[in-house]
Every structure is written in C-alpha cells, then in structure tokens.
Protein backbone atom coordinates (compact mmCIF):
# COMPACT_ATOMS: atom_id res chain seq x y z
CA TRP A 1 43.26 -30.35 -63.02
CA ALA A 2 44.80 -27.01 -63.95
CA ALA A 3 41.33 -25.50 -63.45
CA ALA A 4 41.31 -26.89 -59.95
CA GLY A 5 44.47 -24.98 -59.15
CA HIS A 6 47.04 -27.79 -59.70
CA THR A 7 50.25 -27.11 -61.56
CA HIS A 8 51.70 -29.54 -64.12
CA GLU A 9 54.44 -30.56 -61.68
CA GLU A 10 51.90 -31.34 -58.94
CA VAL A 11 49.89 -33.53 -61.32
CA LYS A 12 53.06 -35.42 -62.27
CA LYS A 13 53.91 -36.01 -58.61
CA GLU A 14 50.41 -37.39 -57.90
CA GLU A 15 50.62 -39.72 -60.92
CA MET A 16 53.98 -41.04 -59.74
CA ALA A 17 52.62 -41.58 -56.23
CA LEU A 18 49.63 -43.53 -57.61
CA MET A 19 51.90 -45.65 -59.79
CA GLN A 20 54.07 -46.40 -56.77
CA GLN A 21 51.00 -47.50 -54.78
CA ILE A 22 49.87 -49.79 -57.64
CA LYS A 23 53.33 -51.38 -57.83
CA GLN A 24 53.28 -51.91 -54.06
CA LEU A 25 49.86 -53.58 -54.23
CA GLU A 26 50.97 -55.77 -57.15
CA SER A 27 54.02 -56.83 -55.14
CA GLU A 28 51.85 -57.70 -52.11
CA VAL A 29 49.44 -59.74 -54.29
CA SER A 30 52.37 -61.62 -55.84
CA GLU A 31 53.80 -62.34 -52.38
CA MET A 32 50.41 -63.63 -51.13
CA LYS A 33 50.06 -65.88 -54.20
CA SER A 34 53.51 -67.30 -53.56
CA LYS A 35 52.67 -68.00 -49.91
CA PHE A 36 49.41 -69.70 -50.90
CA HIS A 37 51.24 -71.85 -53.46
CA ASN A 38 53.83 -72.88 -50.86
CA VAL A 39 51.15 -73.88 -48.37
CA SER A 40 49.57 -76.27 -50.86
CA SER A 41 50.58 -76.81 -54.44
CA GLN A 42 47.75 -79.30 -54.94
CA ASP A 43 44.71 -77.91 -53.06
CA ILE A 44 42.76 -75.41 -55.07
CA ALA A 45 40.27 -72.92 -53.69
CA THR A 46 37.11 -73.47 -55.64
CA GLU A 47 33.39 -73.06 -55.42
CA LYS A 48 31.10 -76.07 -54.94
CA GLN A 49 31.41 -78.19 -58.09
CA PHE A 50 28.49 -80.53 -57.58
CA SER A 51 25.43 -81.12 -55.43
CA VAL A 52 24.84 -84.25 -53.34
CA THR A 53 21.47 -85.81 -52.61
CA HIS A 54 21.14 -88.57 -50.04
CA THR A 55 18.49 -90.64 -48.31
CA ILE A 56 18.74 -92.89 -45.28
CA LYS A 57 16.15 -95.56 -44.57
CA LEU A 58 15.71 -98.13 -41.82
CA ASP A 59 15.06 -101.59 -43.24
CA GLU A 60 12.74 -103.15 -40.67
CA THR A 61 13.20 -106.70 -42.06
CA ASP A 62 16.86 -106.99 -41.04
CA ALA A 63 17.32 -104.02 -38.65
CA SER A 64 19.79 -102.20 -40.87
CA TYR A 65 20.13 -98.77 -42.44
CA THR A 66 20.53 -98.10 -46.14
CA LEU A 67 22.33 -94.87 -47.02
CA THR A 68 21.94 -93.90 -50.70
CA ILE A 69 24.21 -91.18 -52.08
CA GLU A 70 23.75 -89.68 -55.54
CA ILE A 71 25.40 -86.85 -57.51
CA GLU A 72 24.99 -85.56 -61.07
CA MET A 73 28.44 -86.81 -62.16
CA ALA A 74 30.42 -90.02 -61.72
CA ILE A 75 31.54 -90.91 -58.19
CA GLU A 76 35.19 -91.84 -57.76
CA MET A 77 35.04 -92.73 -54.07
CA VAL A 78 33.19 -92.17 -50.82
CA VAL A 79 34.98 -92.14 -47.47
CA PHE A 80 32.64 -93.35 -44.70
CA GLN A 81 33.47 -92.30 -41.15
CA SER A 82 31.65 -92.90 -37.86
CA ASP A 83 32.43 -91.81 -34.31
CA ILE A 84 30.46 -94.77 -32.92
CA HIS A 85 30.90 -98.49 -33.49
CA LEU A 86 28.65 -100.00 -36.12
CA LEU A 87 28.69 -102.89 -38.58
CA LEU A 88 29.07 -102.28 -42.32
CA LEU A 89 27.03 -104.83 -44.30
CA ASP A 90 27.11 -106.11 -47.86
CA SER A 91 24.60 -104.49 -50.16
CA GLU A 92 22.87 -106.16 -53.11
CA GLN A 93 23.66 -103.00 -55.08
CA ASP A 94 27.40 -103.12 -54.31
CA GLU A 95 29.29 -101.41 -57.12
CA ALA A 96 32.37 -100.46 -55.15
CA ILE A 97 35.46 -102.00 -53.61
CA VAL A 98 35.46 -101.47 -49.84
CA SER A 99 38.70 -101.03 -47.90
CA HIS A 100 38.63 -100.75 -44.11
CA SER A 101 41.10 -98.73 -42.05
CA ALA A 102 42.14 -99.68 -38.54
CA CYS A 103 40.73 -97.22 -36.02
CA SER A 104 41.48 -96.17 -32.48
CA LYS A 105 39.48 -93.65 -30.47
CA SER A 106 42.28 -93.07 -27.97
CA PRO A 107 43.69 -89.50 -27.88
CA GLU A 108 47.22 -90.88 -28.36
CA SER A 109 46.29 -92.40 -31.73
CA GLY A 110 45.86 -89.04 -33.42
CA GLN A 111 42.82 -90.42 -35.26
CA GLY A 112 40.24 -88.30 -33.44
CA ASN A 113 36.87 -89.97 -32.97
CA ASN A 114 37.13 -92.57 -35.72
CA ALA A 115 35.38 -95.73 -34.56
CA VAL A 116 34.74 -96.86 -38.17
CA LEU A 117 36.60 -95.69 -41.26
CA ALA A 118 36.11 -97.23 -44.71
CA THR A 119 36.65 -96.20 -48.32
CA TYR A 120 34.23 -97.17 -51.10
CA THR A 121 36.00 -96.96 -54.48
CA CYS A 122 33.69 -97.19 -57.50
CA GLN A 123 34.87 -99.59 -60.20
CA ASP A 124 32.54 -98.28 -62.90
CA GLU A 125 33.48 -94.74 -63.92
CA SER A 126 29.86 -94.04 -64.85
CA THR A 127 28.50 -94.79 -61.36
CA SER A 128 26.68 -91.76 -59.99
CA LYS A 129 24.88 -93.54 -57.12
CA LEU A 130 26.32 -95.49 -54.19
CA VAL A 131 24.52 -97.54 -51.54
CA ILE A 132 26.04 -98.12 -48.08
CA LYS A 133 24.35 -100.52 -45.68
CA PHE A 134 25.09 -100.67 -41.95
CA ARG A 135 23.69 -101.67 -38.57
CA SER A 136 24.10 -99.47 -35.51
CA ILE A 137 24.32 -100.62 -31.89
CA GLU A 138 21.49 -99.38 -29.69
CA GLY A 139 22.60 -97.38 -26.69
CA GLN A 140 25.38 -95.73 -28.69
CA PHE A 141 24.78 -92.38 -30.35
CA GLY A 142 26.87 -90.08 -32.49
CA THR A 143 27.39 -89.00 -36.08
CA ILE A 144 28.26 -90.71 -39.34
CA SER A 145 29.91 -88.74 -42.14
CA ALA A 146 30.34 -89.52 -45.84
CA PHE A 147 32.90 -87.59 -47.90
CA VAL A 148 31.89 -87.78 -51.57
CA ILE A 149 34.64 -87.37 -54.19
CA PRO A 150 33.64 -87.26 -57.88
CA HIS A 151 35.58 -88.08 -61.06
CA ALA A 152 36.45 -84.44 -61.73
CA HIS A 153 39.32 -81.96 -61.68
CA PRO A 154 40.29 -80.19 -59.53
CA LYS A 155 39.71 -82.79 -56.81
CA THR A 156 37.07 -81.68 -54.34
CA SER A 157 34.78 -83.42 -51.88
CA GLN A 158 31.55 -82.73 -50.08
CA ARG A 159 30.54 -84.05 -46.69
CA ILE A 160 27.14 -85.24 -45.56
CA GLN A 161 26.49 -85.84 -41.85
CA ILE A 162 23.75 -87.96 -40.29
CA PRO A 163 23.02 -88.23 -36.55
CA ILE A 164 22.51 -91.71 -35.06
CA LYS A 165 20.09 -91.80 -32.13
CA PRO A 166 20.45 -94.11 -29.07
CA LEU A 167 17.35 -96.14 -30.06
CA SER A 168 18.19 -96.04 -33.77
CA LEU A 169 16.82 -99.52 -34.53
CA HIS A 170 13.31 -98.63 -33.39
CA ALA A 171 10.63 -98.09 -36.04
CA LYS A 172 7.51 -95.99 -35.65
CA MET A 173 4.35 -98.00 -35.06
CA ASP A 174 0.66 -97.12 -34.71
CA TYR A 175 0.03 -96.09 -31.11
CA ASN A 176 -3.09 -98.24 -30.66
CA ASP A 177 -1.38 -101.26 -32.25
CA THR A 178 1.51 -100.84 -29.82
CA LYS A 179 -0.89 -100.72 -26.85
CA GLU A 180 -2.48 -103.93 -28.12
CA LEU A 181 0.98 -105.51 -28.49
CA GLN A 182 1.75 -104.74 -24.84
CA ARG A 183 -1.51 -106.20 -23.56
CA GLY A 184 -0.98 -109.21 -21.26
CA ILE A 185 2.84 -109.04 -21.07
CA PRO A 186 5.06 -107.64 -18.26
CA ILE A 187 5.69 -103.94 -18.93
CA ASN A 188 8.28 -101.69 -17.27
CA THR A 189 7.38 -98.08 -16.59
CA LEU A 190 9.54 -94.97 -16.46
CA GLN A 191 7.69 -91.90 -15.17
CA ILE A 192 9.27 -88.45 -15.30
CA SER A 193 7.79 -85.32 -13.77
CA GLY A 194 9.04 -81.80 -13.19
CA ASN A 195 8.79 -78.15 -14.14
CA PHE A 196 9.52 -78.65 -17.84
CA SER A 197 7.66 -77.50 -20.92
CA LEU A 198 6.18 -79.68 -23.64
CA ALA A 199 8.84 -78.42 -26.04
CA GLN A 200 11.60 -79.47 -23.60
CA VAL A 201 10.34 -83.01 -23.07
CA HIS A 202 9.69 -83.33 -26.81
CA GLY A 203 13.32 -82.35 -27.42
CA TRP A 204 14.47 -85.06 -25.00
CA ILE A 205 12.43 -87.69 -26.83
CA CYS A 206 13.85 -86.42 -30.15
CA ALA A 207 17.35 -86.99 -28.72
CA VAL A 208 16.53 -90.67 -28.03
CA LEU A 209 14.36 -91.86 -30.93
CA PRO A 210 14.40 -91.54 -34.73
CA HIS A 211 11.46 -90.31 -36.82
CA VAL A 212 9.98 -88.09 -34.11
CA PRO A 213 7.97 -85.27 -35.75
CA GLN A 214 9.65 -81.88 -35.34
CA ARG A 215 6.39 -79.97 -34.96
CA LEU A 216 3.77 -80.64 -32.31
CA SER A 217 0.10 -80.60 -33.27
CA SER A 218 -1.38 -80.95 -29.76
CA ASP A 219 -0.50 -80.40 -26.10
CA ARG A 220 -0.24 -84.17 -25.50
CA VAL A 221 1.86 -86.64 -27.49
CA GLU A 222 1.25 -90.39 -27.82
CA MET A 223 3.60 -92.53 -29.92
CA GLY A 224 4.36 -96.21 -30.42
CA TYR A 225 7.64 -97.87 -31.48
CA ARG A 226 8.89 -101.39 -32.15
CA SER A 227 12.45 -102.70 -32.07
CA CYS A 228 13.34 -104.11 -35.49
CA LEU A 229 16.03 -106.29 -33.95
CA ILE A 230 14.29 -108.03 -31.04
CA ASP A 231 10.58 -107.12 -31.45
CA SER A 232 10.23 -105.35 -28.11
CA SER A 233 7.80 -102.42 -27.99
CA LEU A 234 7.80 -98.90 -26.58
CA ILE A 235 5.01 -96.43 -25.81
CA CYS A 236 5.74 -92.74 -25.24
CA GLU A 237 3.12 -90.51 -23.60
CA TYR A 238 4.06 -86.99 -22.56
CA CYS A 239 2.78 -83.47 -21.99
CA LYS A 240 3.93 -80.40 -20.09
CA GLY A 241 5.48 -81.50 -16.77
CA LYS A 242 4.98 -85.26 -17.22
CA ALA A 243 6.23 -88.16 -19.36
CA ILE A 244 5.46 -91.89 -19.18
CA LEU A 245 7.52 -94.46 -21.10
CA LEU A 246 6.40 -98.10 -21.20
CA SER A 247 8.40 -101.04 -22.59
CA ASP A 248 8.85 -104.76 -22.10
CA SER A 249 12.62 -104.19 -22.42
CA VAL A 250 14.54 -102.97 -19.35
CA THR A 251 17.41 -102.01 -21.68
CA VAL A 252 15.16 -99.59 -23.58
CA ILE A 253 13.97 -98.07 -20.28
CA SER A 254 17.59 -97.79 -19.07
CA ILE A 255 18.72 -96.03 -22.28
CA ILE A 256 15.83 -93.52 -22.17
CA LYS A 257 16.45 -92.82 -18.47
CA GLU A 258 20.15 -92.11 -19.06
CA VAL A 259 19.57 -89.83 -22.06
CA ILE A 260 16.76 -87.80 -20.46
CA SER A 261 18.72 -87.45 -17.19
CA ARG A 262 21.73 -86.18 -19.14
CA GLU A 263 19.67 -83.74 -21.25
CA ALA A 264 17.81 -82.37 -18.19
CA THR A 265 21.08 -81.93 -16.25
CA LYS A 266 22.65 -80.16 -19.22
CA ARG A 267 19.79 -77.63 -19.25
CA GLN A 268 19.62 -77.44 -15.42
CA VAL A 269 16.04 -78.72 -15.35
CA HIS A 270 15.09 -80.57 -12.14
CA ILE A 271 13.17 -83.79 -12.83
CA ASP A 272 11.73 -86.53 -10.62
CA ILE A 273 12.23 -90.08 -11.94
CA ARG A 274 10.15 -93.06 -10.83
CA LEU A 275 10.69 -96.61 -12.03
CA ASP A 276 8.43 -99.65 -11.93
CA ILE A 277 10.54 -102.57 -13.17
CA LYS A 278 8.94 -105.99 -13.55
CA SER A 279 11.53 -108.74 -12.98
CA GLU A 280 9.42 -111.12 -15.09
CA SER A 281 9.93 -108.80 -18.10
CA ILE A 282 13.60 -109.86 -18.17
CA PHE A 283 12.71 -113.53 -18.67
CA HIS A 284 10.00 -112.51 -21.13
CA MET A 285 12.73 -110.79 -23.21
CA LEU A 286 15.01 -113.84 -23.00
CA LYS A 287 12.20 -116.06 -24.31
CA MET A 288 11.63 -113.57 -27.14
CA LEU A 289 15.32 -113.71 -27.97
CA ARG A 290 15.53 -117.51 -27.85
CA PRO A 291 14.43 -118.23 -31.47
CA GLN A 292 17.13 -115.90 -32.79
CA LEU A 293 19.73 -117.27 -30.36
CA ASP A 294 18.88 -120.84 -31.43
CA LYS A 295 19.07 -119.91 -35.11
CA TYR A 296 22.36 -118.02 -35.06
CA PHE A 297 24.17 -120.31 -32.62
CA LEU A 298 23.27 -123.18 -34.96
CA LEU A 299 24.52 -121.17 -37.95
CA ASP A 300 27.75 -120.38 -36.11
CA ARG A 301 28.27 -124.07 -35.28
CA GLN A 302 27.54 -125.10 -38.88
CA SER A 303 29.96 -122.52 -40.31
CA ARG A 304 32.78 -123.69 -38.01
CA LEU A 305 32.09 -127.34 -38.87
CA LEU A 306 31.90 -126.49 -42.56
CA LYS A 307 35.49 -125.24 -42.60
CA ALA A 308 36.72 -128.52 -41.13
CA LEU A 309 34.48 -130.64 -43.40
CA GLU A 310 35.66 -128.84 -46.54
CA GLU A 311 39.24 -129.52 -45.47
CA ILE A 312 38.44 -133.23 -45.05
CA GLN A 313 36.66 -133.26 -48.42
CA THR A 314 39.76 -131.98 -50.22
CA HIS A 315 41.89 -134.84 -48.83
CA GLU A 316 39.42 -137.74 -48.99
CA ASP A 317 37.61 -139.09 -52.03
CA ASP A 318 34.95 -140.96 -50.08
CA ILE A 319 33.24 -139.13 -47.20
CA LYS A 320 30.07 -141.24 -47.02
CA HIS A 321 31.21 -142.65 -43.66
CA ILE A 322 30.68 -139.30 -41.87
CA SER A 323 27.40 -138.59 -40.05
CA GLU A 324 24.23 -137.51 -41.77
CA GLU A 325 24.39 -134.13 -40.00
CA TYR A 326 27.81 -133.45 -41.51
CA LEU A 327 26.69 -134.58 -44.96
CA ASN A 328 23.72 -132.17 -44.71
CA ILE A 329 26.06 -129.34 -43.80
CA LEU A 330 28.18 -130.05 -46.89
CA ALA A 331 25.08 -130.35 -49.06
CA ASN A 332 23.84 -126.96 -47.86
CA LYS A 333 27.20 -125.18 -47.69
CA GLU A 334 26.25 -122.45 -50.19
CA ALA A 335 23.09 -121.60 -48.25
CA ILE A 336 25.09 -121.49 -44.99
CA LYS A 337 27.68 -119.16 -46.54
CA GLU A 338 24.93 -116.92 -47.94
CA ARG A 339 23.20 -116.66 -44.54
CA LEU A 340 26.54 -115.68 -42.99
CA ARG A 341 27.11 -113.06 -45.72
CA ILE A 342 23.69 -111.51 -45.15
CA ALA A 343 24.02 -111.44 -41.34
CA PRO A 344 27.72 -111.23 -40.42
CA ARG A 345 28.40 -110.93 -36.69
CA HIS A 346 24.66 -111.08 -35.96
CA LEU A 347 25.39 -113.57 -33.20
CA GLU A 348 27.77 -111.05 -31.59
CA PHE A 349 24.95 -108.49 -31.65
CA LEU A 350 22.63 -110.96 -29.91
CA LYS A 351 25.25 -111.77 -27.27
CA GLY A 352 25.66 -108.04 -26.67
CA ILE A 353 21.89 -107.63 -26.25
CA VAL A 354 21.78 -110.45 -23.67
CA LEU A 355 24.73 -109.00 -21.71
CA ASP A 356 23.15 -105.52 -21.79
CA LEU A 357 19.92 -107.04 -20.51
CA TYR A 358 21.79 -108.60 -17.60
CA VAL A 359 23.62 -105.35 -16.75
CA ASP A 360 20.45 -103.24 -17.04
CA LYS A 361 18.56 -105.69 -14.85
CA HIS A 362 21.07 -105.01 -12.05
CA LYS A 363 21.19 -101.26 -12.68
CA LEU A 364 17.43 -100.81 -12.49
CA LEU A 365 16.50 -103.47 -9.93
CA SER A 366 19.55 -103.35 -7.63
CA GLY A 367 20.72 -99.80 -8.28
CA GLY A 368 24.24 -100.77 -9.35
CA MET A 369 26.41 -102.66 -11.79
CA PRO A 370 26.71 -106.46 -11.46
CA LYS A 371 29.86 -107.68 -9.72
CA HIS A 372 30.59 -110.13 -12.52
CA THR A 373 29.13 -111.41 -15.77
CA GLN A 374 31.16 -114.62 -16.13
CA ARG A 375 28.24 -116.99 -15.61
CA VAL A 376 26.19 -115.29 -18.33
CA GLU A 377 29.21 -115.18 -20.66
CA GLN A 378 29.88 -118.89 -20.08
CA ALA A 379 26.24 -119.78 -20.79
CA LEU A 380 26.46 -117.77 -24.03
CA GLU A 381 29.79 -119.32 -25.02
CA SER A 382 28.51 -122.88 -24.72
CA TYR A 383 24.95 -121.77 -25.49
CA ASP A 384 22.93 -123.57 -22.89
CA PHE A 385 19.64 -121.66 -22.61
CA ASP A 386 18.71 -123.26 -19.29
CA SER A 387 22.09 -122.22 -17.84
CA LEU A 388 21.44 -118.73 -19.19
CA LEU A 389 18.14 -118.57 -17.30
CA VAL A 390 19.87 -119.77 -14.11
CA ALA A 391 22.57 -117.08 -14.53
CA PHE A 392 19.91 -114.38 -14.79
CA LYS A 393 18.10 -115.67 -11.72
CA THR A 394 21.32 -115.52 -9.68
CA ASN A 395 21.84 -112.14 -8.00
C-alpha cells in the first residue's frame, strides 16, 4: 500500500472502517435471524426433502377414482382437500386411519374453498404408499390437493394437485364402437359453429372431458366416450369452425353446452349453438337407470329393516314367527353390510342423477328451470317408478 502512495495512518483508518462495516453487517444478520426466529420457532426453511410420485386412475367397474401416492420414505399422513363435493370411499388397500373435518365453503367460515377435507394417518411407520379412493359428481369441476407429510425431521410437506373435469366419470371408448352403441336409440345433438380454430375447440373439449390427447394428429377429431356410472354414450366430432356432440343423455349435452359457452365467452369468441333434443331420450335414460334404482332402493330398504331386525333379535330368543323376507335379510346381513360398504351413498348419487335429468330436460326443451321438483322428489322418496315416469311427463 505504501507503494501506492498510502501512509501507515491512512491504511489503519481504512482497516478500522472495514472492521466497522463487518460489525454492522454481523449485527444486521443477527437481527434478521432473531426476527425470523420470532416469526416461527418451529417452521424451518429447507430444500425439498423427498420426491412424490402419484397416479390417478378411473375404475370403470364402479365409477370411482383411485389416487396412489408413493414416496421413498415412510408416510406419516396425507391431508386430502377438495374444492368440489365428492365422496371418499373405502379402499381394499386401506392402511390409514381417516378423520374427516367439517367444511363450509361460505366466505364467513374462513375455510376458503374446502368442500372436502380429510386426514389419512398411516398406522404402519414403514408405509411408503397410500391409496385414496373417491367418486366425483359430474357437472362439478375443480381441483383436489393432497399434502404429503413423511416420517422425517424437520417436518415438511409436498402438495400434489389434480384437476377434476365436469365429465370426470366418462371413459374413453373406441369411436366406431360408440357409434354402434348409439345406433337405434334416441340421440340428442349439440352443434356449435363459429370463427374458432381447431386448437380453440380442442381446448374447450379438454376442459370438459378427461383423457383427451394434448396433441392433435389431424385437422378433424373423432372421439367416443361412455359414462361409467349410467352407461350413456357420447360422440365428439370437431374441426376448425364446427363441433358436433351427440349423446343419449340430455344432462351430458347440458354440461358440455354450459362449459363451452363459458370458455368461448371468456375468450370473447362468438359461437352459434344449435340443439336438437329428443324428448324420448329422457325416458330412454330413465329406463337405463331403472335396474340400478331397483337394486339400490332395495338395498336401502334392507339396510333400514336390518337395523330394526337386529334390535329385535337381541331381545327375543325365538324369531321364527317373522316373515320369510325378514329371515332372509337376517341370514344375508353380512352381504348387505358389505354391499353398503362398497357403495355408500350410491343411492343418493342416483337420486341426484334423476333430479339433474329432470332439470336439464326443462332447461333444454323449455328454455328455463322447472318451477318445482316436488313430484319427482316424492316419487324418488317412495320409489314408485311409474309415478316417476308420470312426474317426468308432467310439464
């Protein structure tokens, strides 16, 4: 430094100034650490500790989704959250205790958009894979989230998010097979035209249906789908400026119409919508639903009777005097309970489908909502199929 023209005193002053700056920086770092500690004495800033792999698959046999979550270490718990209503089901691979939290989607509740909130706590500390089974409600769309927390310190979690589409319970089907399935039955048609590109209409279909390929291989798309819940079918045919959707379900047509209208409005794309609704398709759908309605109304009746019969059985030694039907219910009580476990609230889903069918019939045929649904609700409550048909025929 002396060679650079600095005296010994000047060097000393610069050293002291540097030392003062270092002390000031050390003081600022200490103050920031103290503030961070006061904000949270438990949360620790850390890099990602583990990786999460997950798969989600639609089980076409029972119209449910299976979400499989796996990490390379033991899972302590998974918090499952959904902003739409859905039904959590028992899984054959259950290795966790499930606790449900009450939810409210109202702004006053402070719970945000929680429609479903449940915690899966793993009993076995070596469990590295968890299976969650659920059924969504068609017409509703949103996002499910799973927060995965491992057996590790410090405590961290990772979130996976999965979108749920409005027609989430529809499975892809061979296009030609779908056309054959629709042969000879009443089919409703939704035709959309306008100044839109193939990419735009493809995006609208992606917003409605699952398992739509992201990339297009031709300038015209033809796809077939089948509802896993009620066996209705759907054909999608679209190209630049035109889309045709065909289904025997007016509810499916109504859902697609609403979603595409919303998406087009959002992007300020003018579209022309034409509907050809066959009133006979509504009664065709009711007849398709009847076997399931018969089955699950009978199961509901048997389960309610079973509770009363088991109560009688605990107080009476001899129950041979009761009817043969009641004796059969008692003899098959384990099978009845198992069917209820496998398909809880399935009857409520079916009732919802019938009510939606009634509402969509009015929306698409009459252009408005029905004034009342009491007659349909009463026919469902007492389950008289003939009365249900009469209610649908009444405007």
